[in-house]
Amino acid sequence: MAILDDKARYLQIAFNYDMGLVRRVLPSIVYSERILIEAGTPYIKREGIAGIQMIRRLWRGHIVADLKTVDGALSEVDMIRAAGATAATAMGSSPIETLDIFIARCKALGMISMIDMLGVTDPLRVVMRLQRPPDVVVLHRGRDEENTRGKMIQYRHINRLRSKYNVLISAAGGVDLREARSAIFNGANIVVANLVEPGDPWTGIRTDTDVAAMAREFLATIE
């Protein structure tokens, strides 16, 4: 499968609920090389490897397993690759040894390595300590931080990272169309939009809307 193009802009749609939502929504999303489908952390915890396999049966493009690996990188990467994932995440706060193993194993298996900088104050410092940089650095405002006044995705790190490393930047956490525009304006390559069920307090693409149409609108917005 083609590696990501640093000149393209991508939409990553995150499924965080259950396989029922995947079966209902994913077939409606028209395939695009610019769409990545994410098996979110809550989804993986609920559905396990079978949840990733379900997404693979319904989607022929890139699948991101949001493992948020903190240890045991080798076995976790092997496990989700066998299930059909083509990209995975590890936490930037993990031991450097874990991140080095994670990145190396992803590379060996032809996968996209993503380092999630949730809670990390200096992403550049983390990357500088690595044997090799990841494919993607994720600047992430956590779900629990979305409604905290003043908590923002830290776009100021983008130029610092790009000045030293040829990495793609992903922006995640409370991303709607307005935030997606801001992310691309600030130099991000990937915007992550969560599917959000009615009544939940988070920002993203509501599951009671036409998700396929919203995906098209996001793609047009970040073109």
N, C-alpha and C. Protein backbone atom coordinates (compact mmCIF):
# COMPACT_ATOMS: atom_id res chain seq x y z
N MET A 1 0.85 -1.20 0.00
CA MET A 1 0.00 0.00 0.00
C MET A 1 0.88 1.25 0.00
N ALA A 2 0.46 2.25 -0.76
CA ALA A 2 1.27 3.45 -0.92
C ALA A 2 1.51 4.14 0.43
N ILE A 3 2.74 4.62 0.60
CA ILE A 3 3.06 5.40 1.80
C ILE A 3 2.40 6.77 1.66
N LEU A 4 2.29 7.48 2.75
CA LEU A 4 1.64 8.79 2.70
C LEU A 4 2.53 9.80 1.98
N ASP A 5 1.88 10.69 1.24
CA ASP A 5 2.54 11.73 0.45
C ASP A 5 2.60 13.01 1.29
N ASP A 6 3.80 13.54 1.49
CA ASP A 6 3.92 14.73 2.35
C ASP A 6 3.35 15.98 1.70
N LYS A 7 2.96 15.89 0.43
CA LYS A 7 2.34 17.03 -0.25
C LYS A 7 0.82 16.94 -0.24
N ALA A 8 0.29 15.81 0.18
CA ALA A 8 -1.16 15.63 0.23
C ALA A 8 -1.68 15.97 1.62
N ARG A 9 -2.99 16.15 1.73
CA ARG A 9 -3.64 16.41 3.01
C ARG A 9 -4.68 15.32 3.24
N TYR A 10 -4.64 14.74 4.41
CA TYR A 10 -5.42 13.53 4.69
C TYR A 10 -6.45 13.77 5.79
N LEU A 11 -7.56 13.03 5.69
CA LEU A 11 -8.58 12.97 6.73
C LEU A 11 -8.53 11.59 7.37
N GLN A 12 -8.39 11.57 8.68
CA GLN A 12 -8.42 10.32 9.44
C GLN A 12 -9.72 10.30 10.23
N ILE A 13 -10.58 9.33 9.94
CA ILE A 13 -11.88 9.21 10.60
C ILE A 13 -11.78 8.14 11.68
N ALA A 14 -12.05 8.54 12.92
CA ALA A 14 -11.84 7.65 14.06
C ALA A 14 -13.16 7.05 14.54
N PHE A 15 -13.19 5.71 14.57
CA PHE A 15 -14.30 4.96 15.14
C PHE A 15 -13.94 4.60 16.58
N ASN A 16 -14.71 5.10 17.54
CA ASN A 16 -14.40 4.90 18.96
C ASN A 16 -15.47 4.14 19.73
N TYR A 17 -16.48 3.62 19.02
CA TYR A 17 -17.58 2.95 19.72
C TYR A 17 -17.50 1.43 19.52
N ASP A 18 -18.34 0.88 18.67
CA ASP A 18 -18.37 -0.57 18.54
C ASP A 18 -18.48 -0.99 17.08
N MET A 19 -18.48 -2.30 16.85
CA MET A 19 -18.53 -2.82 15.49
C MET A 19 -19.86 -2.51 14.83
N GLY A 20 -20.92 -2.34 15.62
CA GLY A 20 -22.20 -1.99 15.04
C GLY A 20 -22.13 -0.68 14.28
N LEU A 21 -21.46 0.31 14.84
CA LEU A 21 -21.30 1.60 14.15
C LEU A 21 -20.44 1.44 12.90
N VAL A 22 -19.39 0.64 12.99
CA VAL A 22 -18.53 0.39 11.83
C VAL A 22 -19.35 -0.22 10.69
N ARG A 23 -20.16 -1.23 11.01
CA ARG A 23 -20.97 -1.89 9.97
C ARG A 23 -21.99 -0.94 9.36
N ARG A 24 -22.49 -0.03 10.18
CA ARG A 24 -23.52 0.90 9.69
C ARG A 24 -22.96 2.04 8.86
N VAL A 25 -21.80 2.57 9.28
CA VAL A 25 -21.29 3.81 8.68
C VAL A 25 -20.20 3.59 7.64
N LEU A 26 -19.26 2.70 7.92
CA LEU A 26 -18.08 2.60 7.05
C LEU A 26 -18.42 2.28 5.59
N PRO A 27 -19.38 1.37 5.31
CA PRO A 27 -19.67 1.09 3.89
C PRO A 27 -20.17 2.31 3.12
N SER A 28 -20.67 3.33 3.81
CA SER A 28 -21.18 4.52 3.13
C SER A 28 -20.08 5.50 2.72
N ILE A 29 -18.90 5.34 3.29
CA ILE A 29 -17.80 6.26 3.01
C ILE A 29 -17.10 5.83 1.73
N VAL A 30 -17.10 6.71 0.76
CA VAL A 30 -16.50 6.39 -0.54
C VAL A 30 -14.98 6.34 -0.39
N TYR A 31 -14.38 5.29 -0.93
CA TYR A 31 -12.94 5.12 -0.81
C TYR A 31 -12.19 6.31 -1.40
N SER A 32 -11.17 6.74 -0.70
CA SER A 32 -10.25 7.76 -1.19
C SER A 32 -8.87 7.47 -0.60
N GLU A 33 -7.85 7.68 -1.40
CA GLU A 33 -6.48 7.52 -0.89
C GLU A 33 -6.19 8.54 0.20
N ARG A 34 -7.01 9.58 0.28
CA ARG A 34 -6.79 10.64 1.27
C ARG A 34 -7.59 10.42 2.56
N ILE A 35 -8.25 9.28 2.67
CA ILE A 35 -8.97 8.95 3.90
C ILE A 35 -8.28 7.78 4.60
N LEU A 36 -7.96 7.97 5.86
CA LEU A 36 -7.47 6.89 6.71
C LEU A 36 -8.58 6.56 7.70
N ILE A 37 -8.82 5.29 7.94
CA ILE A 37 -9.82 4.87 8.90
C ILE A 37 -9.10 4.42 10.18
N GLU A 38 -9.53 4.99 11.30
CA GLU A 38 -8.89 4.68 12.58
C GLU A 38 -9.74 3.74 13.43
N ALA A 39 -9.11 2.69 13.91
CA ALA A 39 -9.68 1.89 15.00
C ALA A 39 -9.23 2.57 16.28
N GLY A 40 -10.12 3.37 16.88
CA GLY A 40 -9.75 4.17 18.04
C GLY A 40 -9.45 3.32 19.27
N THR A 41 -8.81 3.94 20.23
CA THR A 41 -8.42 3.21 21.45
C THR A 41 -9.62 2.58 22.16
N PRO A 42 -10.71 3.34 22.41
CA PRO A 42 -11.86 2.70 23.06
C PRO A 42 -12.44 1.55 22.24
N TYR A 43 -12.44 1.71 20.92
CA TYR A 43 -12.94 0.66 20.03
C TYR A 43 -12.10 -0.61 20.15
N ILE A 44 -10.77 -0.46 20.13
CA ILE A 44 -9.89 -1.62 20.25
C ILE A 44 -10.06 -2.29 21.61
N LYS A 45 -10.19 -1.49 22.66
CA LYS A 45 -10.39 -2.07 24.00
C LYS A 45 -11.69 -2.84 24.09
N ARG A 46 -12.71 -2.36 23.37
CA ARG A 46 -14.01 -3.01 23.41
C ARG A 46 -14.06 -4.23 22.49
N GLU A 47 -13.53 -4.08 21.29
CA GLU A 47 -13.72 -5.11 20.26
C GLU A 47 -12.48 -5.96 19.99
N GLY A 48 -11.31 -5.49 20.43
CA GLY A 48 -10.09 -6.27 20.25
C GLY A 48 -9.65 -6.39 18.80
N ILE A 49 -8.85 -7.43 18.56
CA ILE A 49 -8.32 -7.68 17.21
C ILE A 49 -9.45 -7.89 16.21
N ALA A 50 -10.53 -8.50 16.65
CA ALA A 50 -11.67 -8.73 15.74
C ALA A 50 -12.23 -7.42 15.20
N GLY A 51 -12.13 -6.37 15.99
CA GLY A 51 -12.60 -5.07 15.54
C GLY A 51 -11.78 -4.52 14.39
N ILE A 52 -10.46 -4.72 14.46
CA ILE A 52 -9.59 -4.29 13.36
C ILE A 52 -9.86 -5.13 12.12
N GLN A 53 -10.04 -6.43 12.31
CA GLN A 53 -10.33 -7.31 11.18
C GLN A 53 -11.64 -6.93 10.50
N MET A 54 -12.61 -6.50 11.29
CA MET A 54 -13.89 -6.05 10.73
C MET A 54 -13.69 -4.83 9.83
N ILE A 55 -12.91 -3.87 10.30
CA ILE A 55 -12.63 -2.68 9.49
C ILE A 55 -11.92 -3.08 8.20
N ARG A 56 -10.97 -4.01 8.29
CA ARG A 56 -10.24 -4.43 7.09
C ARG A 56 -11.18 -5.06 6.07
N ARG A 57 -12.17 -5.78 6.51
CA ARG A 57 -13.11 -6.39 5.56
C ARG A 57 -13.91 -5.34 4.81
N LEU A 58 -14.07 -4.17 5.43
CA LEU A 58 -14.92 -3.13 4.83
C LEU A 58 -14.15 -1.98 4.20
N TRP A 59 -12.83 -1.92 4.41
CA TRP A 59 -12.04 -0.78 3.93
C TRP A 59 -10.73 -1.26 3.34
N ARG A 60 -10.46 -0.86 2.09
CA ARG A 60 -9.25 -1.34 1.42
C ARG A 60 -8.07 -0.38 1.54
N GLY A 61 -8.30 0.78 2.16
CA GLY A 61 -7.23 1.76 2.31
C GLY A 61 -6.50 1.61 3.63
N HIS A 62 -5.81 2.67 4.03
CA HIS A 62 -5.04 2.64 5.27
C HIS A 62 -5.95 2.52 6.49
N ILE A 63 -5.52 1.70 7.43
CA ILE A 63 -6.20 1.54 8.71
C ILE A 63 -5.20 1.85 9.81
N VAL A 64 -5.55 2.80 10.67
CA VAL A 64 -4.71 3.19 11.80
C VAL A 64 -5.23 2.51 13.07
N ALA A 65 -4.39 1.71 13.70
CA ALA A 65 -4.73 1.12 14.99
C ALA A 65 -4.19 2.04 16.08
N ASP A 66 -5.10 2.72 16.77
CA ASP A 66 -4.68 3.69 17.78
C ASP A 66 -4.37 2.95 19.10
N LEU A 67 -3.27 2.21 19.07
CA LEU A 67 -2.89 1.39 20.23
C LEU A 67 -2.44 2.22 21.42
N LYS A 68 -1.84 3.38 21.12
CA LYS A 68 -1.17 4.16 22.17
C LYS A 68 -0.20 3.29 22.96
N THR A 69 0.62 2.54 22.25
CA THR A 69 1.58 1.63 22.87
C THR A 69 2.48 2.36 23.85
N VAL A 70 2.67 1.77 25.03
CA VAL A 70 3.59 2.33 26.03
C VAL A 70 4.67 1.32 26.41
N ASP A 71 4.51 0.07 26.02
CA ASP A 71 5.48 -0.98 26.31
C ASP A 71 5.11 -2.18 25.44
N GLY A 72 6.04 -3.11 25.31
CA GLY A 72 5.74 -4.31 24.53
C GLY A 72 5.46 -4.01 23.07
N ALA A 73 6.24 -3.09 22.50
CA ALA A 73 5.95 -2.60 21.15
C ALA A 73 6.00 -3.70 20.09
N LEU A 74 6.96 -4.59 20.20
CA LEU A 74 7.15 -5.61 19.15
C LEU A 74 5.89 -6.46 18.98
N SER A 75 5.40 -7.01 20.06
CA SER A 75 4.24 -7.90 19.96
C SER A 75 2.97 -7.14 19.58
N GLU A 76 2.83 -5.91 20.07
CA GLU A 76 1.62 -5.15 19.74
C GLU A 76 1.57 -4.78 18.26
N VAL A 77 2.70 -4.37 17.71
CA VAL A 77 2.74 -4.04 16.28
C VAL A 77 2.48 -5.28 15.43
N ASP A 78 3.12 -6.40 15.79
CA ASP A 78 2.91 -7.65 15.05
C ASP A 78 1.43 -8.05 15.07
N MET A 79 0.81 -7.91 16.21
CA MET A 79 -0.58 -8.33 16.41
C MET A 79 -1.53 -7.55 15.51
N ILE A 80 -1.38 -6.22 15.48
CA ILE A 80 -2.34 -5.44 14.71
C ILE A 80 -2.01 -5.46 13.21
N ARG A 81 -0.76 -5.70 12.88
CA ARG A 81 -0.42 -5.87 11.45
C ARG A 81 -1.08 -7.12 10.90
N ALA A 82 -1.04 -8.20 11.68
CA ALA A 82 -1.67 -9.45 11.24
C ALA A 82 -3.18 -9.28 11.09
N ALA A 83 -3.75 -8.35 11.83
CA ALA A 83 -5.19 -8.11 11.76
C ALA A 83 -5.58 -7.21 10.59
N GLY A 84 -4.60 -6.59 9.94
CA GLY A 84 -4.89 -5.78 8.76
C GLY A 84 -4.59 -4.31 8.87
N ALA A 85 -4.08 -3.86 10.03
CA ALA A 85 -3.74 -2.44 10.17
C ALA A 85 -2.48 -2.11 9.37
N THR A 86 -2.43 -0.88 8.88
CA THR A 86 -1.25 -0.43 8.12
C THR A 86 -0.53 0.72 8.82
N ALA A 87 -1.06 1.16 9.97
CA ALA A 87 -0.44 2.22 10.75
C ALA A 87 -0.78 1.99 12.21
N ALA A 88 0.08 2.49 13.11
CA ALA A 88 -0.15 2.30 14.54
C ALA A 88 0.40 3.50 15.29
N THR A 89 -0.09 3.67 16.53
CA THR A 89 0.37 4.77 17.37
C THR A 89 1.06 4.24 18.63
N ALA A 90 2.05 5.00 19.08
CA ALA A 90 2.68 4.79 20.38
C ALA A 90 2.71 6.13 21.09
N MET A 91 2.75 6.11 22.40
CA MET A 91 2.74 7.34 23.18
C MET A 91 4.14 7.94 23.27
N GLY A 92 4.23 9.24 23.00
CA GLY A 92 5.52 9.92 23.07
C GLY A 92 6.12 9.95 24.46
N SER A 93 5.30 9.70 25.47
CA SER A 93 5.78 9.65 26.86
C SER A 93 6.34 8.28 27.23
N SER A 94 6.31 7.33 26.31
CA SER A 94 6.84 5.99 26.57
C SER A 94 8.36 6.02 26.68
N PRO A 95 8.96 4.96 27.25
CA PRO A 95 10.42 4.86 27.24
C PRO A 95 10.97 4.96 25.82
N ILE A 96 12.10 5.58 25.69
CA ILE A 96 12.73 5.73 24.37
C ILE A 96 12.97 4.37 23.74
N GLU A 97 13.33 3.38 24.55
CA GLU A 97 13.55 2.03 24.02
C GLU A 97 12.29 1.50 23.33
N THR A 98 11.14 1.75 23.96
CA THR A 98 9.87 1.31 23.38
C THR A 98 9.61 2.00 22.05
N LEU A 99 9.85 3.30 22.01
CA LEU A 99 9.60 4.05 20.77
C LEU A 99 10.55 3.60 19.66
N ASP A 100 11.80 3.35 19.97
CA ASP A 100 12.75 2.88 18.96
C ASP A 100 12.33 1.51 18.40
N ILE A 101 11.91 0.61 19.29
CA ILE A 101 11.45 -0.71 18.84
C ILE A 101 10.19 -0.57 18.00
N PHE A 102 9.27 0.27 18.46
CA PHE A 102 8.02 0.50 17.75
C PHE A 102 8.26 1.01 16.33
N ILE A 103 9.08 2.03 16.20
CA ILE A 103 9.36 2.62 14.88
C ILE A 103 10.06 1.62 13.98
N ALA A 104 11.04 0.91 14.52
CA ALA A 104 11.78 -0.06 13.72
C ALA A 104 10.88 -1.20 13.24
N ARG A 105 10.00 -1.66 14.13
CA ARG A 105 9.12 -2.77 13.74
C ARG A 105 8.11 -2.32 12.69
N CYS A 106 7.56 -1.13 12.86
CA CYS A 106 6.65 -0.60 11.85
C CYS A 106 7.34 -0.53 10.49
N LYS A 107 8.56 -0.03 10.49
CA LYS A 107 9.31 0.09 9.23
C LYS A 107 9.54 -1.27 8.60
N ALA A 108 9.91 -2.24 9.43
CA ALA A 108 10.20 -3.59 8.92
C ALA A 108 8.95 -4.23 8.30
N LEU A 109 7.78 -3.89 8.83
CA LEU A 109 6.54 -4.48 8.35
C LEU A 109 5.83 -3.61 7.32
N GLY A 110 6.49 -2.52 6.90
CA GLY A 110 5.90 -1.64 5.90
C GLY A 110 4.73 -0.83 6.42
N MET A 111 4.73 -0.57 7.74
CA MET A 111 3.64 0.18 8.37
C MET A 111 4.05 1.62 8.63
N ILE A 112 3.06 2.47 8.87
CA ILE A 112 3.28 3.87 9.19
C ILE A 112 3.37 4.00 10.70
N SER A 113 4.48 4.54 11.19
CA SER A 113 4.65 4.74 12.63
C SER A 113 4.19 6.13 13.01
N MET A 114 3.34 6.21 14.04
CA MET A 114 2.80 7.48 14.52
C MET A 114 3.10 7.61 16.01
N ILE A 115 3.74 8.70 16.40
CA ILE A 115 4.02 8.95 17.81
C ILE A 115 3.06 10.02 18.31
N ASP A 116 2.24 9.64 19.29
CA ASP A 116 1.20 10.52 19.84
C ASP A 116 1.80 11.33 20.99
N MET A 117 1.79 12.64 20.84
CA MET A 117 2.42 13.53 21.82
C MET A 117 1.44 14.07 22.86
N LEU A 118 0.36 13.34 23.11
CA LEU A 118 -0.58 13.73 24.16
C LEU A 118 0.16 13.85 25.50
N GLY A 119 0.05 15.03 26.12
CA GLY A 119 0.68 15.25 27.41
C GLY A 119 2.17 15.54 27.36
N VAL A 120 2.77 15.57 26.16
CA VAL A 120 4.20 15.84 26.02
C VAL A 120 4.39 17.34 25.79
N THR A 121 5.21 17.97 26.61
CA THR A 121 5.38 19.42 26.50
C THR A 121 6.36 19.82 25.40
N ASP A 122 7.29 18.93 25.05
CA ASP A 122 8.29 19.27 24.02
C ASP A 122 8.46 18.09 23.06
N PRO A 123 7.59 17.97 22.06
CA PRO A 123 7.68 16.85 21.11
C PRO A 123 9.04 16.76 20.42
N LEU A 124 9.64 17.90 20.09
CA LEU A 124 10.93 17.88 19.40
C LEU A 124 11.99 17.17 20.24
N ARG A 125 11.98 17.41 21.53
CA ARG A 125 12.96 16.77 22.41
C ARG A 125 12.81 15.25 22.38
N VAL A 126 11.58 14.77 22.32
CA VAL A 126 11.36 13.32 22.23
C VAL A 126 11.93 12.78 20.93
N VAL A 127 11.62 13.43 19.82
CA VAL A 127 12.07 12.94 18.51
C VAL A 127 13.60 12.98 18.41
N MET A 128 14.21 13.99 19.00
CA MET A 128 15.67 14.11 18.93
C MET A 128 16.38 12.97 19.65
N ARG A 129 15.72 12.33 20.59
CA ARG A 129 16.33 11.23 21.34
C ARG A 129 16.19 9.89 20.63
N LEU A 130 15.41 9.83 19.57
CA LEU A 130 15.13 8.57 18.89
C LEU A 130 16.25 8.18 17.93
N GLN A 131 16.38 6.88 17.68
CA GLN A 131 17.35 6.41 16.70
C GLN A 131 16.97 6.87 15.30
N ARG A 132 15.69 6.87 15.01
CA ARG A 132 15.17 7.42 13.75
C ARG A 132 13.81 8.04 14.04
N PRO A 133 13.43 9.07 13.29
CA PRO A 133 12.14 9.71 13.54
C PRO A 133 11.00 8.82 13.08
N PRO A 134 9.81 9.01 13.64
CA PRO A 134 8.64 8.28 13.15
C PRO A 134 8.19 8.86 11.81
N ASP A 135 7.24 8.20 11.19
CA ASP A 135 6.65 8.76 9.96
C ASP A 135 5.76 9.95 10.26
N VAL A 136 5.05 9.88 11.39
CA VAL A 136 4.07 10.90 11.74
C VAL A 136 4.21 11.27 13.21
N VAL A 137 4.16 12.57 13.49
CA VAL A 137 4.06 13.07 14.86
C VAL A 137 2.64 13.59 15.05
N VAL A 138 1.96 13.10 16.09
CA VAL A 138 0.57 13.47 16.34
C VAL A 138 0.53 14.53 17.45
N LEU A 139 0.08 15.72 17.09
CA LEU A 139 -0.15 16.77 18.08
C LEU A 139 -1.59 16.61 18.56
N HIS A 140 -1.77 16.26 19.82
CA HIS A 140 -3.04 15.73 20.29
C HIS A 140 -3.55 16.47 21.53
N ARG A 141 -4.73 17.03 21.40
CA ARG A 141 -5.47 17.52 22.56
C ARG A 141 -6.42 16.40 22.97
N GLY A 142 -6.26 15.89 24.17
CA GLY A 142 -7.00 14.72 24.60
C GLY A 142 -8.49 14.94 24.71
N ARG A 143 -9.23 13.86 24.63
CA ARG A 143 -10.68 13.91 24.75
C ARG A 143 -11.10 14.59 26.05
N ASP A 144 -10.40 14.28 27.13
CA ASP A 144 -10.75 14.86 28.43
C ASP A 144 -10.35 16.33 28.54
N GLU A 145 -9.55 16.80 27.59
CA GLU A 145 -9.10 18.19 27.60
C GLU A 145 -9.94 19.10 26.72
N GLU A 146 -10.80 18.51 25.90
CA GLU A 146 -11.51 19.29 24.88
C GLU A 146 -12.28 20.47 25.45
N ASN A 147 -12.89 20.28 26.61
CA ASN A 147 -13.74 21.33 27.17
C ASN A 147 -13.03 22.17 28.22
N THR A 148 -11.70 22.02 28.31
CA THR A 148 -10.91 22.84 29.23
C THR A 148 -10.54 24.14 28.53
N ARG A 149 -10.94 25.24 29.10
CA ARG A 149 -10.68 26.53 28.47
C ARG A 149 -9.18 26.75 28.30
N GLY A 150 -8.79 27.16 27.10
CA GLY A 150 -7.39 27.46 26.83
C GLY A 150 -6.58 26.28 26.33
N LYS A 151 -7.14 25.06 26.41
CA LYS A 151 -6.42 23.89 25.91
C LYS A 151 -6.58 23.83 24.40
N MET A 152 -5.46 23.89 23.68
CA MET A 152 -5.49 23.93 22.23
C MET A 152 -4.49 22.93 21.67
N ILE A 153 -4.71 22.55 20.41
CA ILE A 153 -3.70 21.76 19.71
C ILE A 153 -2.49 22.65 19.50
N GLN A 154 -1.31 22.16 19.86
CA GLN A 154 -0.11 23.01 19.91
C GLN A 154 0.60 23.08 18.54
N TYR A 155 0.01 23.87 17.65
CA TYR A 155 0.57 23.98 16.30
C TYR A 155 1.95 24.63 16.29
N ARG A 156 2.30 25.34 17.36
CA ARG A 156 3.61 26.01 17.40
C ARG A 156 4.76 25.02 17.28
N HIS A 157 4.50 23.74 17.56
CA HIS A 157 5.56 22.73 17.47
C HIS A 157 5.86 22.32 16.03
N ILE A 158 4.96 22.63 15.11
CA ILE A 158 5.12 22.12 13.74
C ILE A 158 6.41 22.64 13.10
N ASN A 159 6.63 23.94 13.12
CA ASN A 159 7.83 24.48 12.48
C ASN A 159 9.10 24.00 13.15
N ARG A 160 9.06 23.83 14.48
CA ARG A 160 10.24 23.34 15.20
C ARG A 160 10.58 21.92 14.76
N LEU A 161 9.57 21.08 14.64
CA LEU A 161 9.79 19.70 14.20
C LEU A 161 10.27 19.65 12.76
N ARG A 162 9.62 20.43 11.90
CA ARG A 162 9.94 20.40 10.47
C ARG A 162 11.32 21.00 10.18
N SER A 163 11.81 21.84 11.08
CA SER A 163 13.13 22.44 10.84
C SER A 163 14.24 21.40 10.94
N LYS A 164 13.95 20.28 11.58
CA LYS A 164 14.99 19.26 11.78
C LYS A 164 14.65 17.91 11.17
N TYR A 165 13.36 17.62 10.99
CA TYR A 165 12.96 16.28 10.55
C TYR A 165 11.89 16.33 9.46
N ASN A 166 11.99 15.38 8.55
CA ASN A 166 11.01 15.25 7.48
C ASN A 166 9.90 14.33 7.96
N VAL A 167 9.08 14.84 8.88
CA VAL A 167 7.97 14.05 9.42
C VAL A 167 6.65 14.68 9.02
N LEU A 168 5.63 13.85 8.91
CA LEU A 168 4.28 14.36 8.71
C LEU A 168 3.69 14.72 10.06
N ILE A 169 2.79 15.68 10.06
CA ILE A 169 2.16 16.13 11.30
C ILE A 169 0.66 15.83 11.25
N SER A 170 0.18 15.20 12.30
CA SER A 170 -1.24 14.93 12.44
C SER A 170 -1.80 15.77 13.58
N ALA A 171 -2.99 16.33 13.36
CA ALA A 171 -3.66 17.15 14.39
C ALA A 171 -4.90 16.41 14.85
N ALA A 172 -4.99 16.19 16.17
CA ALA A 172 -6.09 15.39 16.72
C ALA A 172 -6.65 16.03 17.97
N GLY A 173 -7.96 15.82 18.18
CA GLY A 173 -8.58 16.27 19.43
C GLY A 173 -9.56 17.40 19.24
N GLY A 174 -10.85 17.06 19.16
CA GLY A 174 -11.87 18.09 19.00
C GLY A 174 -11.84 18.78 17.66
N VAL A 175 -11.57 18.02 16.60
CA VAL A 175 -11.43 18.62 15.27
C VAL A 175 -12.77 18.64 14.54
N ASP A 176 -13.25 19.85 14.26
CA ASP A 176 -14.39 20.06 13.38
C ASP A 176 -13.87 20.73 12.12
N LEU A 177 -14.76 21.20 11.25
CA LEU A 177 -14.32 21.81 10.00
C LEU A 177 -13.45 23.04 10.24
N ARG A 178 -13.83 23.84 11.22
CA ARG A 178 -13.05 25.05 11.52
C ARG A 178 -11.65 24.70 12.01
N GLU A 179 -11.58 23.74 12.91
CA GLU A 179 -10.27 23.32 13.43
C GLU A 179 -9.44 22.65 12.34
N ALA A 180 -10.11 21.92 11.44
CA ALA A 180 -9.40 21.28 10.32
C ALA A 180 -8.74 22.34 9.44
N ARG A 181 -9.47 23.41 9.16
CA ARG A 181 -8.89 24.50 8.36
C ARG A 181 -7.68 25.10 9.07
N SER A 182 -7.81 25.30 10.37
CA SER A 182 -6.71 25.87 11.15
C SER A 182 -5.50 24.94 11.13
N ALA A 183 -5.74 23.65 11.26
CA ALA A 183 -4.65 22.67 11.26
C ALA A 183 -3.87 22.71 9.95
N ILE A 184 -4.59 22.72 8.84
CA ILE A 184 -3.92 22.74 7.53
C ILE A 184 -3.20 24.07 7.33
N PHE A 185 -3.82 25.18 7.74
CA PHE A 185 -3.18 26.49 7.64
C PHE A 185 -1.86 26.51 8.39
N ASN A 186 -1.82 25.82 9.53
CA ASN A 186 -0.62 25.79 10.35
C ASN A 186 0.39 24.73 9.92
N GLY A 187 0.07 23.97 8.87
CA GLY A 187 1.05 23.06 8.31
C GLY A 187 0.84 21.59 8.57
N ALA A 188 -0.29 21.20 9.16
CA ALA A 188 -0.55 19.78 9.40
C ALA A 188 -0.81 19.05 8.09
N ASN A 189 -0.48 17.77 8.06
CA ASN A 189 -0.74 16.92 6.90
C ASN A 189 -2.00 16.09 7.06
N ILE A 190 -2.33 15.76 8.31
CA ILE A 190 -3.45 14.87 8.62
C ILE A 190 -4.32 15.54 9.68
N VAL A 191 -5.63 15.51 9.47
CA VAL A 191 -6.55 15.94 10.51
C VAL A 191 -7.38 14.73 10.94
N VAL A 192 -7.53 14.57 12.25
CA VAL A 192 -8.25 13.42 12.80
C VAL A 192 -9.61 13.89 13.30
N ALA A 193 -10.67 13.35 12.72
CA ALA A 193 -12.03 13.69 13.13
C ALA A 193 -12.67 12.47 13.78
N ASN A 194 -13.11 12.63 15.02
CA ASN A 194 -13.80 11.54 15.72
C ASN A 194 -15.26 11.47 15.31
N LEU A 195 -15.75 10.26 15.13
CA LEU A 195 -17.19 10.07 15.02
C LEU A 195 -17.77 10.17 16.43
N VAL A 196 -18.79 11.01 16.59
CA VAL A 196 -19.34 11.29 17.92
C VAL A 196 -20.83 11.02 17.92
N GLU A 197 -21.29 10.20 18.84
CA GLU A 197 -22.70 9.89 18.94
C GLU A 197 -23.46 11.02 19.63
N PRO A 198 -24.74 11.22 19.29
CA PRO A 198 -25.55 12.27 19.91
C PRO A 198 -25.54 12.14 21.44
N GLY A 199 -25.40 13.27 22.10
CA GLY A 199 -25.38 13.27 23.56
C GLY A 199 -24.00 13.24 24.16
N ASP A 200 -23.00 12.80 23.39
CA ASP A 200 -21.64 12.82 23.90
C ASP A 200 -21.06 14.22 23.76
N PRO A 201 -20.18 14.63 24.68
CA PRO A 201 -19.76 16.04 24.75
C PRO A 201 -18.60 16.42 23.85
N TRP A 202 -18.17 15.51 22.98
CA TRP A 202 -16.96 15.78 22.20
C TRP A 202 -17.29 16.37 20.83
N THR A 203 -16.26 16.91 20.21
CA THR A 203 -16.41 17.53 18.90
C THR A 203 -15.90 16.59 17.82
N GLY A 204 -16.60 16.56 16.69
CA GLY A 204 -16.18 15.73 15.57
C GLY A 204 -17.29 15.64 14.54
N ILE A 205 -17.44 14.46 13.95
CA ILE A 205 -18.51 14.21 12.98
C ILE A 205 -19.60 13.44 13.69
N ARG A 206 -20.78 14.04 13.79
CA ARG A 206 -21.88 13.37 14.50
C ARG A 206 -22.38 12.17 13.70
N THR A 207 -22.65 11.09 14.42
CA THR A 207 -23.06 9.86 13.75
C THR A 207 -24.50 9.91 13.26
N ASP A 208 -25.28 10.93 13.68
CA ASP A 208 -26.65 11.06 13.20
C ASP A 208 -26.75 12.01 12.02
N THR A 209 -25.59 12.36 11.45
CA THR A 209 -25.56 13.14 10.21
C THR A 209 -25.15 12.22 9.06
N ASP A 210 -25.10 12.78 7.87
CA ASP A 210 -24.62 12.02 6.71
C ASP A 210 -23.09 12.00 6.77
N VAL A 211 -22.55 10.94 7.35
CA VAL A 211 -21.10 10.88 7.59
C VAL A 211 -20.33 10.93 6.27
N ALA A 212 -20.83 10.25 5.27
CA ALA A 212 -20.14 10.25 3.97
C ALA A 212 -20.07 11.65 3.39
N ALA A 213 -21.16 12.40 3.50
CA ALA A 213 -21.17 13.78 3.00
C ALA A 213 -20.21 14.65 3.81
N MET A 214 -20.18 14.44 5.12
CA MET A 214 -19.25 15.21 5.96
C MET A 214 -17.81 14.88 5.61
N ALA A 215 -17.53 13.63 5.30
CA ALA A 215 -16.17 13.25 4.90
C ALA A 215 -15.77 13.99 3.64
N ARG A 216 -16.68 14.08 2.69
CA ARG A 216 -16.40 14.81 1.45
C ARG A 216 -16.15 16.29 1.74
N GLU A 217 -16.92 16.84 2.68
CA GLU A 217 -16.76 18.25 3.02
C GLU A 217 -15.41 18.49 3.70
N PHE A 218 -15.00 17.59 4.57
CA PHE A 218 -13.69 17.69 5.18
C PHE A 218 -12.59 17.64 4.13
N LEU A 219 -12.69 16.69 3.20
CA LEU A 219 -11.67 16.57 2.15
C LEU A 219 -11.57 17.85 1.32
N ALA A 220 -12.72 18.43 1.00
CA ALA A 220 -12.71 19.68 0.23
C ALA A 220 -12.12 20.81 1.04
N THR A 221 -12.38 20.83 2.33
CA THR A 221 -11.89 21.89 3.21
C THR A 221 -10.38 21.87 3.35
N ILE A 222 -9.80 20.67 3.41
CA ILE A 222 -8.35 20.56 3.66
C ILE A 222 -7.55 20.37 2.38
N GLU A 223 -8.19 20.46 1.25
CA GLU A 223 -7.53 20.24 -0.06
C GLU A 223 -6.26 21.07 -0.18
